[in-house]
């Protein structure tokens, strides 16, 4: 199996209130959520990056997540 590039991706996710109840607008905290994901790059182009959390010796991957590049703040290669 060829070595896959390992990265930490810092990205902004959408969010909503923790419950689905009615809310007063002045009581809402409507801030986007900043996340960090660590994984192996499965694919990447100018629009998105896909990372897998687990890679088997056979080359199979598990836990793949695709993040739109417009939501990415930083990509750091892990050595």
Protein backbone atom coordinates (compact mmCIF):
# COMPACT_ATOMS: atom_id res chain seq x y z
CA UNK A 1 0.00 0.00 0.00
CA UNK A 2 1.37 3.42 -0.94
CA UNK A 3 1.57 5.94 1.88
CA UNK A 4 -1.33 8.36 1.90
CA UNK A 5 -0.81 11.99 2.88
CA UNK A 6 -1.96 12.72 6.44
CA UNK A 7 -3.47 16.14 7.11
CA UNK A 8 -5.18 18.25 9.72
CA UNK A 9 -7.96 20.32 8.17
CA UNK A 10 -9.29 23.36 10.03
CA UNK A 11 -12.72 24.26 8.64
CA UNK A 12 -15.94 26.12 9.39
CA UNK A 13 -19.16 24.14 9.76
CA UNK A 14 -22.72 25.38 9.72
CA UNK A 15 -24.62 25.22 12.97
CA UNK A 16 -28.05 25.60 14.46
CA UNK A 17 -29.50 25.89 17.97
CA UNK A 18 -29.11 22.72 20.02
CA UNK A 19 -32.86 22.20 20.12
CA UNK A 20 -35.71 22.68 17.68
CA UNK A 21 -37.83 24.87 19.95
CA UNK A 22 -38.99 28.40 19.30
CA UNK A 23 -36.35 31.05 20.15
CA UNK A 24 -36.32 34.77 20.68
CA UNK A 25 -33.95 36.27 18.11
CA UNK A 26 -32.13 38.37 20.73
CA UNK A 27 -31.37 35.20 22.75
CA UNK A 28 -29.80 33.21 19.93
CA UNK A 29 -26.07 32.65 19.59
CA UNK A 30 -25.66 32.18 15.84
CA UNK A 31 -21.95 31.61 15.43
CA UNK A 32 -20.46 29.14 12.94
CA UNK A 33 -18.56 26.22 14.41
CA UNK A 34 -14.81 25.91 13.76
CA UNK A 35 -13.70 22.26 13.51
CA UNK A 36 -10.46 20.35 13.03
CA UNK A 37 -10.36 16.96 11.32
CA UNK A 38 -7.34 14.69 11.01
CA UNK A 39 -7.18 12.02 8.34
CA UNK A 40 -5.70 10.54 5.20
CA UNK A 41 -6.35 12.38 1.92
CA UNK A 42 -8.53 10.20 -0.31
CA UNK A 43 -9.07 12.85 -2.98
CA UNK A 44 -8.62 16.58 -3.42
CA UNK A 45 -9.39 19.12 -6.12
CA UNK A 46 -9.99 22.87 -6.22
CA UNK A 47 -13.54 22.44 -4.85
CA UNK A 48 -13.19 19.87 -2.06
CA UNK A 49 -10.96 17.63 0.02
CA UNK A 50 -11.96 14.14 1.19
CA UNK A 51 -10.23 12.57 4.19
CA UNK A 52 -10.57 9.09 5.71
CA UNK A 53 -10.11 8.44 9.40
CA UNK A 54 -8.90 4.87 8.90
CA UNK A 55 -6.97 3.10 6.13
CA UNK A 56 -6.55 -0.70 6.11
CA UNK A 57 -3.47 -2.54 4.80
CA UNK A 58 -5.62 -3.61 1.84
CA UNK A 59 -6.10 0.05 0.90
CA UNK A 60 -9.75 0.12 1.97
CA UNK A 61 -10.81 3.29 3.78
CA UNK A 62 -13.38 3.98 6.51
CA UNK A 63 -14.93 7.17 7.83
CA UNK A 64 -14.55 9.32 4.71
CA UNK A 65 -15.64 12.95 5.00
CA UNK A 66 -15.69 15.50 2.18
CA UNK A 67 -15.21 19.15 3.11
CA UNK A 68 -15.94 21.94 0.62
CA UNK A 69 -12.81 24.06 0.03
CA UNK A 70 -14.79 27.27 0.58
CA UNK A 71 -15.24 26.12 4.22
CA UNK A 72 -11.53 25.29 4.74
CA UNK A 73 -9.45 27.74 6.78
CA UNK A 74 -6.19 25.78 6.74
CA UNK A 75 -4.74 22.43 5.64
CA UNK A 76 -1.60 21.27 7.43
CA UNK A 77 0.36 18.18 6.34
CA UNK A 78 1.23 15.85 9.25
CA UNK A 79 4.59 14.14 9.03
